[in-house]
Amino acid sequence: MIPHHLAIELTDFGNVAVAGPMAAVMAAWLWFTGQRVLAGILALNMGCAVAATVVLKEVSRTLGGEFYGTPLQLSTGAPSGHAVMSMVTYGALGVLFAVGSRGSLRVLAVALAGLLIVGVAVTRVTLHAHTPADVATGLILGGAFTALTAVAARHTRGAWPAMTPLLIGVAVVALAMQVSGLRLTSADFM
């Protein structure tokens, strides 16, 4: 089992205050390397994912039942915004590296993206922030936006630029946001 303080750090990678700037770095990198349509799609997906999460949380809060810890029950906080943000952000990162890189960098980046998604999802449940159903709903919602990014990335024209600067940029921003301590909740958007 992950120690509580490490679970908090890991789950924070799904917070929009951490994932949002990382998505912005990816979109900016795509824009400045000539992949402008894909940059726009990524930014639009992130914005739509945040909006959809806020709307669904409001519906869940208004219509949902109390959280009794039943694994298949949605709580009044469904879907998990952290699960949505991790899937959209790290899913997009994995897609970009799967399409735009080769060899060990591809494997490393895709594996890291997958581990972050799973880590955030698991910690949302183990920290008792959400039910497994809340997290699954968040992963499905985020997965839909990630699938749109994947389709767009596969149809991108032209050569892909070097991917190492993107990985470094995303890592630096992620660490900076983690250290900053800034966190946002869905209530900040309602």
N, C-alpha and C. Protein backbone atom coordinates (compact mmCIF):
# COMPACT_ATOMS: atom_id res chain seq x y z
N MET A 1 0.84 -1.18 0.00
CA MET A 1 0.00 0.00 0.00
C MET A 1 0.89 1.25 0.00
N ILE A 2 0.45 2.25 -0.70
CA ILE A 2 1.20 3.50 -0.79
C ILE A 2 1.00 4.30 0.50
N PRO A 3 2.08 4.81 1.09
CA PRO A 3 1.92 5.67 2.27
C PRO A 3 1.02 6.87 1.94
N HIS A 4 0.25 7.30 2.93
CA HIS A 4 -0.75 8.36 2.73
C HIS A 4 -0.16 9.61 2.09
N HIS A 5 0.98 10.09 2.59
CA HIS A 5 1.55 11.33 2.05
C HIS A 5 1.97 11.17 0.59
N LEU A 6 2.42 9.98 0.20
CA LEU A 6 2.77 9.74 -1.21
C LEU A 6 1.52 9.61 -2.07
N ALA A 7 0.46 9.03 -1.51
CA ALA A 7 -0.80 8.93 -2.24
C ALA A 7 -1.36 10.31 -2.54
N ILE A 8 -1.22 11.22 -1.59
CA ILE A 8 -1.67 12.61 -1.80
C ILE A 8 -0.88 13.25 -2.94
N GLU A 9 0.44 13.08 -2.92
CA GLU A 9 1.27 13.64 -3.99
C GLU A 9 0.90 13.05 -5.35
N LEU A 10 0.70 11.75 -5.40
CA LEU A 10 0.36 11.09 -6.67
C LEU A 10 -1.01 11.53 -7.16
N THR A 11 -1.99 11.58 -6.28
CA THR A 11 -3.33 11.97 -6.70
C THR A 11 -3.37 13.40 -7.21
N ASP A 12 -2.49 14.25 -6.68
CA ASP A 12 -2.44 15.65 -7.12
C ASP A 12 -2.04 15.80 -8.58
N PHE A 13 -1.43 14.79 -9.17
CA PHE A 13 -1.11 14.87 -10.60
C PHE A 13 -2.38 14.90 -11.45
N GLY A 14 -3.52 14.53 -10.87
CA GLY A 14 -4.79 14.61 -11.58
C GLY A 14 -5.53 15.91 -11.32
N ASN A 15 -5.01 16.75 -10.44
CA ASN A 15 -5.65 18.02 -10.15
C ASN A 15 -5.50 18.93 -11.36
N VAL A 16 -6.56 19.66 -11.69
CA VAL A 16 -6.53 20.52 -12.87
C VAL A 16 -5.45 21.60 -12.77
N ALA A 17 -5.05 21.97 -11.55
CA ALA A 17 -3.98 22.95 -11.38
C ALA A 17 -2.62 22.39 -11.78
N VAL A 18 -2.48 21.08 -11.81
CA VAL A 18 -1.25 20.43 -12.27
C VAL A 18 -1.41 19.98 -13.72
N ALA A 19 -2.51 19.27 -14.00
CA ALA A 19 -2.72 18.72 -15.34
C ALA A 19 -2.97 19.81 -16.39
N GLY A 20 -3.67 20.87 -16.00
CA GLY A 20 -3.98 21.95 -16.95
C GLY A 20 -2.74 22.61 -17.54
N PRO A 21 -1.80 23.06 -16.70
CA PRO A 21 -0.58 23.64 -17.26
C PRO A 21 0.23 22.66 -18.11
N MET A 22 0.18 21.38 -17.74
CA MET A 22 0.88 20.38 -18.56
C MET A 22 0.24 20.28 -19.94
N ALA A 23 -1.09 20.29 -19.99
CA ALA A 23 -1.79 20.25 -21.27
C ALA A 23 -1.49 21.52 -22.07
N ALA A 24 -1.38 22.66 -21.38
CA ALA A 24 -1.04 23.91 -22.06
C ALA A 24 0.35 23.84 -22.67
N VAL A 25 1.30 23.23 -21.97
CA VAL A 25 2.65 23.05 -22.51
C VAL A 25 2.60 22.18 -23.76
N MET A 26 1.82 21.10 -23.70
CA MET A 26 1.71 20.22 -24.87
C MET A 26 1.10 20.96 -26.05
N ALA A 27 0.03 21.72 -25.81
CA ALA A 27 -0.62 22.46 -26.89
C ALA A 27 0.31 23.52 -27.46
N ALA A 28 1.03 24.23 -26.59
CA ALA A 28 1.98 25.25 -27.07
C ALA A 28 3.10 24.61 -27.88
N TRP A 29 3.61 23.49 -27.41
CA TRP A 29 4.67 22.79 -28.14
C TRP A 29 4.17 22.37 -29.52
N LEU A 30 2.96 21.82 -29.58
CA LEU A 30 2.39 21.43 -30.87
C LEU A 30 2.23 22.65 -31.78
N TRP A 31 1.75 23.73 -31.23
CA TRP A 31 1.53 24.95 -32.01
C TRP A 31 2.85 25.46 -32.60
N PHE A 32 3.86 25.58 -31.75
CA PHE A 32 5.12 26.15 -32.20
C PHE A 32 5.95 25.21 -33.06
N THR A 33 5.59 23.94 -33.09
CA THR A 33 6.29 23.00 -33.98
C THR A 33 5.49 22.74 -35.25
N GLY A 34 4.45 23.53 -35.47
CA GLY A 34 3.70 23.46 -36.72
C GLY A 34 2.49 22.54 -36.72
N GLN A 35 2.21 21.89 -35.61
CA GLN A 35 1.04 20.99 -35.53
C GLN A 35 -0.14 21.77 -34.93
N ARG A 36 -0.55 22.82 -35.65
CA ARG A 36 -1.53 23.76 -35.09
C ARG A 36 -2.93 23.17 -34.94
N VAL A 37 -3.36 22.37 -35.88
CA VAL A 37 -4.68 21.76 -35.76
C VAL A 37 -4.73 20.84 -34.54
N LEU A 38 -3.70 20.03 -34.39
CA LEU A 38 -3.65 19.13 -33.24
C LEU A 38 -3.55 19.92 -31.93
N ALA A 39 -2.83 21.03 -31.95
CA ALA A 39 -2.74 21.88 -30.75
C ALA A 39 -4.13 22.39 -30.38
N GLY A 40 -4.87 22.84 -31.37
CA GLY A 40 -6.23 23.32 -31.12
C GLY A 40 -7.15 22.23 -30.61
N ILE A 41 -7.04 21.05 -31.19
CA ILE A 41 -7.87 19.92 -30.74
C ILE A 41 -7.54 19.56 -29.30
N LEU A 42 -6.27 19.52 -28.97
CA LEU A 42 -5.86 19.20 -27.60
C LEU A 42 -6.40 20.25 -26.62
N ALA A 43 -6.26 21.52 -26.95
CA ALA A 43 -6.76 22.58 -26.07
C ALA A 43 -8.29 22.52 -25.95
N LEU A 44 -8.96 22.29 -27.06
CA LEU A 44 -10.42 22.18 -27.05
C LEU A 44 -10.86 20.97 -26.21
N ASN A 45 -10.17 19.86 -26.37
CA ASN A 45 -10.50 18.67 -25.59
C ASN A 45 -10.35 18.93 -24.10
N MET A 46 -9.29 19.60 -23.71
CA MET A 46 -9.07 19.89 -22.29
C MET A 46 -10.18 20.79 -21.76
N GLY A 47 -10.49 21.84 -22.50
CA GLY A 47 -11.55 22.75 -22.08
C GLY A 47 -12.90 22.05 -21.98
N CYS A 48 -13.21 21.24 -22.98
CA CYS A 48 -14.48 20.50 -22.97
C CYS A 48 -14.52 19.47 -21.84
N ALA A 49 -13.39 18.85 -21.56
CA ALA A 49 -13.33 17.87 -20.47
C ALA A 49 -13.60 18.54 -19.12
N VAL A 50 -13.00 19.71 -18.92
CA VAL A 50 -13.24 20.45 -17.67
C VAL A 50 -14.72 20.84 -17.58
N ALA A 51 -15.26 21.38 -18.67
CA ALA A 51 -16.67 21.80 -18.67
C ALA A 51 -17.61 20.62 -18.44
N ALA A 52 -17.37 19.51 -19.13
CA ALA A 52 -18.22 18.33 -18.96
C ALA A 52 -18.14 17.80 -17.54
N THR A 53 -16.96 17.82 -16.96
CA THR A 53 -16.79 17.34 -15.59
C THR A 53 -17.58 18.21 -14.61
N VAL A 54 -17.48 19.51 -14.77
CA VAL A 54 -18.20 20.43 -13.88
C VAL A 54 -19.70 20.22 -14.02
N VAL A 55 -20.20 20.11 -15.25
CA VAL A 55 -21.64 19.91 -15.46
C VAL A 55 -22.10 18.59 -14.85
N LEU A 56 -21.35 17.51 -15.11
CA LEU A 56 -21.73 16.21 -14.57
C LEU A 56 -21.66 16.17 -13.05
N LYS A 57 -20.67 16.85 -12.47
CA LYS A 57 -20.59 16.91 -11.01
C LYS A 57 -21.80 17.66 -10.43
N GLU A 58 -22.21 18.71 -11.10
CA GLU A 58 -23.38 19.46 -10.64
C GLU A 58 -24.64 18.60 -10.74
N VAL A 59 -24.78 17.88 -11.83
CA VAL A 59 -25.93 16.96 -11.98
C VAL A 59 -25.88 15.90 -10.89
N SER A 60 -24.72 15.32 -10.68
CA SER A 60 -24.55 14.28 -9.66
C SER A 60 -24.85 14.82 -8.26
N ARG A 61 -24.38 16.01 -8.00
CA ARG A 61 -24.61 16.63 -6.69
C ARG A 61 -26.10 16.88 -6.48
N THR A 62 -26.77 17.31 -7.54
CA THR A 62 -28.18 17.65 -7.44
C THR A 62 -29.07 16.41 -7.38
N LEU A 63 -28.76 15.41 -8.19
CA LEU A 63 -29.62 14.23 -8.31
C LEU A 63 -29.12 13.00 -7.58
N GLY A 64 -27.82 12.98 -7.26
CA GLY A 64 -27.22 11.77 -6.71
C GLY A 64 -27.55 11.53 -5.26
N GLY A 65 -27.25 10.30 -4.84
CA GLY A 65 -27.45 9.93 -3.45
C GLY A 65 -26.20 10.22 -2.65
N GLU A 66 -26.27 9.90 -1.39
CA GLU A 66 -25.11 10.09 -0.52
C GLU A 66 -24.07 9.02 -0.81
N PHE A 67 -22.84 9.31 -0.45
CA PHE A 67 -21.74 8.36 -0.65
C PHE A 67 -21.72 7.39 0.53
N TYR A 68 -22.06 6.15 0.25
CA TYR A 68 -22.04 5.13 1.29
C TYR A 68 -20.90 4.15 1.10
N GLY A 69 -20.05 4.39 0.13
CA GLY A 69 -18.90 3.52 -0.07
C GLY A 69 -19.19 2.28 -0.88
N THR A 70 -20.37 2.18 -1.45
CA THR A 70 -20.68 1.04 -2.30
C THR A 70 -19.88 1.18 -3.58
N PRO A 71 -19.04 0.19 -3.92
CA PRO A 71 -18.13 0.34 -5.06
C PRO A 71 -18.80 0.68 -6.39
N LEU A 72 -20.00 0.17 -6.64
CA LEU A 72 -20.65 0.41 -7.93
C LEU A 72 -21.60 1.59 -7.90
N GLN A 73 -21.62 2.32 -6.82
CA GLN A 73 -22.52 3.46 -6.67
C GLN A 73 -21.76 4.75 -6.98
N LEU A 74 -22.41 5.62 -7.75
CA LEU A 74 -21.84 6.94 -7.98
C LEU A 74 -22.12 7.80 -6.75
N SER A 75 -21.13 8.57 -6.36
CA SER A 75 -21.32 9.49 -5.23
C SER A 75 -21.83 10.82 -5.76
N THR A 76 -22.07 11.74 -4.85
CA THR A 76 -22.52 13.07 -5.25
C THR A 76 -21.38 13.88 -5.87
N GLY A 77 -20.18 13.32 -5.90
CA GLY A 77 -19.03 13.99 -6.51
C GLY A 77 -18.62 13.39 -7.84
N ALA A 78 -19.47 12.54 -8.41
CA ALA A 78 -19.12 11.87 -9.66
C ALA A 78 -19.25 12.82 -10.84
N PRO A 79 -18.41 12.66 -11.85
CA PRO A 79 -17.28 11.73 -11.95
C PRO A 79 -16.05 12.30 -11.25
N SER A 80 -15.05 11.46 -11.08
CA SER A 80 -13.79 11.93 -10.50
C SER A 80 -13.11 12.88 -11.48
N GLY A 81 -13.01 14.14 -11.11
CA GLY A 81 -12.33 15.11 -11.96
C GLY A 81 -10.85 14.80 -12.13
N HIS A 82 -10.23 14.26 -11.08
CA HIS A 82 -8.83 13.87 -11.17
C HIS A 82 -8.64 12.77 -12.20
N ALA A 83 -9.58 11.81 -12.24
CA ALA A 83 -9.50 10.74 -13.23
C ALA A 83 -9.67 11.29 -14.64
N VAL A 84 -10.62 12.21 -14.80
CA VAL A 84 -10.82 12.84 -16.12
C VAL A 84 -9.56 13.56 -16.55
N MET A 85 -9.03 14.43 -15.68
CA MET A 85 -7.87 15.24 -16.04
C MET A 85 -6.64 14.38 -16.30
N SER A 86 -6.44 13.34 -15.51
CA SER A 86 -5.27 12.50 -15.75
C SER A 86 -5.40 11.76 -17.07
N MET A 87 -6.61 11.28 -17.37
CA MET A 87 -6.80 10.57 -18.64
C MET A 87 -6.61 11.50 -19.83
N VAL A 88 -7.19 12.69 -19.76
CA VAL A 88 -7.07 13.64 -20.87
C VAL A 88 -5.62 14.10 -21.04
N THR A 89 -4.97 14.47 -19.94
CA THR A 89 -3.62 15.02 -20.02
C THR A 89 -2.57 13.96 -20.32
N TYR A 90 -2.51 12.94 -19.47
CA TYR A 90 -1.47 11.92 -19.64
C TYR A 90 -1.81 10.98 -20.79
N GLY A 91 -3.11 10.83 -21.07
CA GLY A 91 -3.50 10.07 -22.25
C GLY A 91 -3.02 10.76 -23.52
N ALA A 92 -3.20 12.09 -23.57
CA ALA A 92 -2.72 12.85 -24.73
C ALA A 92 -1.20 12.78 -24.83
N LEU A 93 -0.53 12.86 -23.69
CA LEU A 93 0.93 12.75 -23.70
C LEU A 93 1.36 11.40 -24.26
N GLY A 94 0.71 10.34 -23.81
CA GLY A 94 1.00 9.01 -24.33
C GLY A 94 0.74 8.90 -25.82
N VAL A 95 -0.36 9.49 -26.26
CA VAL A 95 -0.70 9.47 -27.70
C VAL A 95 0.38 10.20 -28.50
N LEU A 96 0.77 11.38 -28.05
CA LEU A 96 1.78 12.16 -28.78
C LEU A 96 3.08 11.37 -28.91
N PHE A 97 3.49 10.72 -27.85
CA PHE A 97 4.73 9.95 -27.90
C PHE A 97 4.56 8.66 -28.68
N ALA A 98 3.39 8.06 -28.63
CA ALA A 98 3.16 6.83 -29.41
C ALA A 98 3.22 7.12 -30.90
N VAL A 99 2.71 8.28 -31.30
CA VAL A 99 2.69 8.65 -32.72
C VAL A 99 3.99 9.31 -33.15
N GLY A 100 4.56 10.14 -32.29
CA GLY A 100 5.67 10.98 -32.71
C GLY A 100 7.07 10.55 -32.34
N SER A 101 7.22 9.43 -31.67
CA SER A 101 8.58 9.02 -31.29
C SER A 101 8.77 7.53 -31.55
N ARG A 102 10.00 7.10 -31.40
CA ARG A 102 10.35 5.70 -31.64
C ARG A 102 11.22 5.20 -30.49
N GLY A 103 11.34 3.91 -30.40
CA GLY A 103 12.30 3.29 -29.50
C GLY A 103 11.99 3.46 -28.03
N SER A 104 13.07 3.58 -27.26
CA SER A 104 12.94 3.59 -25.80
C SER A 104 12.22 4.83 -25.28
N LEU A 105 12.34 5.97 -25.96
CA LEU A 105 11.63 7.17 -25.53
C LEU A 105 10.13 6.95 -25.63
N ARG A 106 9.68 6.33 -26.70
CA ARG A 106 8.26 6.02 -26.87
C ARG A 106 7.78 5.13 -25.74
N VAL A 107 8.52 4.06 -25.49
CA VAL A 107 8.13 3.11 -24.45
C VAL A 107 8.10 3.79 -23.09
N LEU A 108 9.13 4.56 -22.78
CA LEU A 108 9.21 5.25 -21.49
C LEU A 108 8.04 6.22 -21.30
N ALA A 109 7.79 7.05 -22.29
CA ALA A 109 6.74 8.07 -22.17
C ALA A 109 5.35 7.46 -22.09
N VAL A 110 5.08 6.47 -22.92
CA VAL A 110 3.76 5.83 -22.89
C VAL A 110 3.56 5.09 -21.57
N ALA A 111 4.59 4.40 -21.09
CA ALA A 111 4.49 3.68 -19.81
C ALA A 111 4.29 4.66 -18.66
N LEU A 112 5.03 5.76 -18.66
CA LEU A 112 4.89 6.76 -17.61
C LEU A 112 3.48 7.36 -17.62
N ALA A 113 2.97 7.67 -18.81
CA ALA A 113 1.61 8.20 -18.92
C ALA A 113 0.60 7.21 -18.35
N GLY A 114 0.74 5.95 -18.72
CA GLY A 114 -0.17 4.93 -18.21
C GLY A 114 -0.09 4.76 -16.71
N LEU A 115 1.12 4.78 -16.18
CA LEU A 115 1.30 4.65 -14.73
C LEU A 115 0.69 5.83 -13.97
N LEU A 116 0.84 7.03 -14.53
CA LEU A 116 0.24 8.20 -13.87
C LEU A 116 -1.28 8.11 -13.86
N ILE A 117 -1.86 7.68 -14.97
CA ILE A 117 -3.32 7.54 -15.05
C ILE A 117 -3.80 6.53 -14.01
N VAL A 118 -3.17 5.36 -14.00
CA VAL A 118 -3.56 4.31 -13.05
C VAL A 118 -3.31 4.77 -11.61
N GLY A 119 -2.16 5.41 -11.37
CA GLY A 119 -1.84 5.88 -10.02
C GLY A 119 -2.85 6.88 -9.50
N VAL A 120 -3.22 7.84 -10.33
CA VAL A 120 -4.22 8.83 -9.91
C VAL A 120 -5.56 8.13 -9.66
N ALA A 121 -5.96 7.25 -10.55
CA ALA A 121 -7.24 6.56 -10.40
C ALA A 121 -7.30 5.75 -9.11
N VAL A 122 -6.26 4.99 -8.85
CA VAL A 122 -6.24 4.15 -7.65
C VAL A 122 -6.24 5.00 -6.38
N THR A 123 -5.47 6.08 -6.38
CA THR A 123 -5.41 6.90 -5.17
C THR A 123 -6.71 7.64 -4.89
N ARG A 124 -7.49 7.93 -5.89
CA ARG A 124 -8.78 8.57 -5.64
C ARG A 124 -9.68 7.66 -4.81
N VAL A 125 -9.56 6.35 -5.05
CA VAL A 125 -10.35 5.38 -4.28
C VAL A 125 -9.71 5.12 -2.91
N THR A 126 -8.39 4.90 -2.90
CA THR A 126 -7.74 4.57 -1.62
C THR A 126 -7.74 5.74 -0.63
N LEU A 127 -7.81 6.95 -1.15
CA LEU A 127 -7.92 8.12 -0.26
C LEU A 127 -9.37 8.41 0.12
N HIS A 128 -10.28 7.57 -0.35
CA HIS A 128 -11.71 7.69 -0.05
C HIS A 128 -12.31 9.00 -0.56
N ALA A 129 -11.76 9.50 -1.66
CA ALA A 129 -12.30 10.70 -2.28
C ALA A 129 -13.45 10.35 -3.22
N HIS A 130 -13.42 9.13 -3.78
CA HIS A 130 -14.43 8.69 -4.74
C HIS A 130 -14.65 7.20 -4.63
N THR A 131 -15.78 6.77 -5.16
CA THR A 131 -16.04 5.34 -5.30
C THR A 131 -15.35 4.85 -6.57
N PRO A 132 -15.15 3.55 -6.70
CA PRO A 132 -14.62 3.03 -7.96
C PRO A 132 -15.49 3.42 -9.16
N ALA A 133 -16.80 3.49 -8.97
CA ALA A 133 -17.69 3.89 -10.06
C ALA A 133 -17.43 5.34 -10.48
N ASP A 134 -17.19 6.22 -9.52
CA ASP A 134 -16.85 7.62 -9.84
C ASP A 134 -15.59 7.68 -10.69
N VAL A 135 -14.60 6.91 -10.29
CA VAL A 135 -13.31 6.91 -10.99
C VAL A 135 -13.47 6.31 -12.38
N ALA A 136 -14.20 5.20 -12.48
CA ALA A 136 -14.42 4.58 -13.79
C ALA A 136 -15.15 5.54 -14.73
N THR A 137 -16.14 6.25 -14.19
CA THR A 137 -16.86 7.24 -15.00
C THR A 137 -15.92 8.34 -15.47
N GLY A 138 -15.04 8.79 -14.60
CA GLY A 138 -14.07 9.81 -14.98
C GLY A 138 -13.10 9.32 -16.04
N LEU A 139 -12.65 8.07 -15.91
CA LEU A 139 -11.74 7.50 -16.91
C LEU A 139 -12.43 7.34 -18.26
N ILE A 140 -13.69 6.96 -18.24
CA ILE A 140 -14.44 6.82 -19.50
C ILE A 140 -14.62 8.18 -20.17
N LEU A 141 -15.01 9.18 -19.39
CA LEU A 141 -15.18 10.53 -19.94
C LEU A 141 -13.86 11.05 -20.49
N GLY A 142 -12.80 10.94 -19.70
CA GLY A 142 -11.49 11.38 -20.17
C GLY A 142 -11.00 10.58 -21.36
N GLY A 143 -11.32 9.29 -21.36
CA GLY A 143 -10.93 8.42 -22.47
C GLY A 143 -11.57 8.83 -23.78
N ALA A 144 -12.80 9.33 -23.72
CA ALA A 144 -13.47 9.80 -24.95
C ALA A 144 -12.71 10.98 -25.56
N PHE A 145 -12.29 11.91 -24.71
CA PHE A 145 -11.52 13.05 -25.22
C PHE A 145 -10.13 12.62 -25.69
N THR A 146 -9.53 11.66 -25.01
CA THR A 146 -8.23 11.14 -25.42
C THR A 146 -8.34 10.45 -26.77
N ALA A 147 -9.44 9.75 -27.00
CA ALA A 147 -9.65 9.08 -28.29
C ALA A 147 -9.72 10.10 -29.42
N LEU A 148 -10.35 11.24 -29.18
CA LEU A 148 -10.39 12.30 -30.19
C LEU A 148 -8.98 12.82 -30.49
N THR A 149 -8.18 12.98 -29.45
CA THR A 149 -6.79 13.40 -29.65
C THR A 149 -6.04 12.35 -30.45
N ALA A 150 -6.26 11.08 -30.15
CA ALA A 150 -5.56 10.00 -30.85
C ALA A 150 -5.93 9.97 -32.33
N VAL A 151 -7.20 10.14 -32.65
CA VAL A 151 -7.62 10.16 -34.05
C VAL A 151 -6.97 11.34 -34.77
N ALA A 152 -6.98 12.50 -34.14
CA ALA A 152 -6.36 13.68 -34.76
C ALA A 152 -4.86 13.48 -34.94
N ALA A 153 -4.20 12.91 -33.95
CA ALA A 153 -2.74 12.70 -34.03
C ALA A 153 -2.38 11.73 -35.14
N ARG A 154 -3.18 10.69 -35.31
CA ARG A 154 -2.89 9.70 -36.37
C ARG A 154 -3.06 10.29 -37.76
N HIS A 155 -3.87 11.33 -37.88
CA HIS A 155 -4.11 11.94 -39.19
C HIS A 155 -3.32 13.23 -39.38
N THR A 156 -2.38 13.48 -38.51
CA THR A 156 -1.55 14.67 -38.61
C THR A 156 -0.57 14.51 -39.77
N ARG A 157 -0.44 15.56 -40.52
CA ARG A 157 0.45 15.56 -41.69
C ARG A 157 1.82 16.11 -41.30
N GLY A 158 2.80 15.72 -42.07
CA GLY A 158 4.15 16.26 -41.88
C GLY A 158 4.95 15.48 -40.86
N ALA A 159 6.22 15.82 -40.80
CA ALA A 159 7.14 15.14 -39.89
C ALA A 159 6.94 15.65 -38.46
N TRP A 160 7.11 14.76 -37.52
CA TRP A 160 7.03 15.12 -36.11
C TRP A 160 8.39 15.67 -35.67
N PRO A 161 8.38 16.73 -34.89
CA PRO A 161 9.65 17.27 -34.36
C PRO A 161 10.20 16.36 -33.27
N ALA A 162 11.39 16.67 -32.82
CA ALA A 162 12.01 15.92 -31.72
C ALA A 162 11.11 15.99 -30.49
N MET A 163 10.92 14.86 -29.85
CA MET A 163 9.98 14.78 -28.74
C MET A 163 10.62 15.02 -27.37
N THR A 164 11.93 14.90 -27.28
CA THR A 164 12.60 15.05 -25.98
C THR A 164 12.31 16.40 -25.33
N PRO A 165 12.32 17.52 -26.08
CA PRO A 165 12.00 18.80 -25.43
C PRO A 165 10.60 18.83 -24.81
N LEU A 166 9.66 18.15 -25.45
CA LEU A 166 8.31 18.10 -24.89
C LEU A 166 8.31 17.35 -23.57
N LEU A 167 8.99 16.22 -23.52
CA LEU A 167 9.04 15.43 -22.29
C LEU A 167 9.69 16.23 -21.16
N ILE A 168 10.76 16.93 -21.48
CA ILE A 168 11.44 17.75 -20.47
C ILE A 168 10.53 18.89 -20.02
N GLY A 169 9.89 19.57 -20.97
CA GLY A 169 9.00 20.68 -20.64
C GLY A 169 7.84 20.26 -19.76
N VAL A 170 7.22 19.14 -20.10
CA VAL A 170 6.09 18.65 -19.31
C VAL A 170 6.55 18.25 -17.91
N ALA A 171 7.70 17.60 -17.82
CA ALA A 171 8.22 17.18 -16.51
C ALA A 171 8.53 18.38 -15.63
N VAL A 172 9.14 19.41 -16.20
CA VAL A 172 9.47 20.61 -15.42
C VAL A 172 8.20 21.29 -14.92
N VAL A 173 7.21 21.44 -15.80
CA VAL A 173 5.95 22.08 -15.40
C VAL A 173 5.23 21.25 -14.34
N ALA A 174 5.21 19.93 -14.52
CA ALA A 174 4.55 19.06 -13.54
C ALA A 174 5.18 19.20 -12.16
N LEU A 175 6.50 19.17 -12.13
CA LEU A 175 7.19 19.30 -10.84
C LEU A 175 6.98 20.68 -10.23
N ALA A 176 7.03 21.71 -11.07
CA ALA A 176 6.82 23.08 -10.57
C ALA A 176 5.42 23.24 -9.98
N MET A 177 4.43 22.69 -10.66
CA MET A 177 3.06 22.80 -10.16
C MET A 177 2.87 21.98 -8.89
N GLN A 178 3.50 20.82 -8.82
CA GLN A 178 3.41 20.01 -7.60
C GLN A 178 4.00 20.77 -6.42
N VAL A 179 5.17 21.36 -6.63
CA VAL A 179 5.86 22.07 -5.56
C VAL A 179 5.10 23.34 -5.17
N SER A 180 4.42 23.97 -6.14
CA SER A 180 3.71 25.22 -5.86
C SER A 180 2.60 25.04 -4.82
N GLY A 181 2.03 23.85 -4.78
CA GLY A 181 0.95 23.60 -3.83
C GLY A 181 -0.40 24.12 -4.28
N LEU A 182 -0.48 24.77 -5.44
CA LEU A 182 -1.75 25.28 -5.95
C LEU A 182 -2.64 24.10 -6.33
N ARG A 183 -3.87 24.09 -5.84
CA ARG A 183 -4.82 23.04 -6.16
C ARG A 183 -6.18 23.67 -6.41
N LEU A 184 -6.91 23.12 -7.35
CA LEU A 184 -8.25 23.58 -7.67
C LEU A 184 -9.22 22.42 -7.53
N THR A 185 -10.43 22.71 -7.13
CA THR A 185 -11.46 21.69 -7.08
C THR A 185 -12.58 22.08 -8.03
N SER A 186 -13.48 21.16 -8.27
CA SER A 186 -14.61 21.47 -9.15
C SER A 186 -15.44 22.62 -8.59
N ALA A 187 -15.45 22.77 -7.28
CA ALA A 187 -16.19 23.87 -6.67
C ALA A 187 -15.64 25.23 -7.11
N ASP A 188 -14.37 25.26 -7.47
CA ASP A 188 -13.77 26.51 -7.95
C ASP A 188 -14.31 26.92 -9.31
N PHE A 189 -14.97 26.00 -10.02
CA PHE A 189 -15.51 26.28 -11.34
C PHE A 189 -17.03 26.45 -11.33
N MET A 190 -17.65 26.23 -10.18
CA MET A 190 -19.12 26.29 -10.11
C MET A 190 -19.58 27.63 -9.60
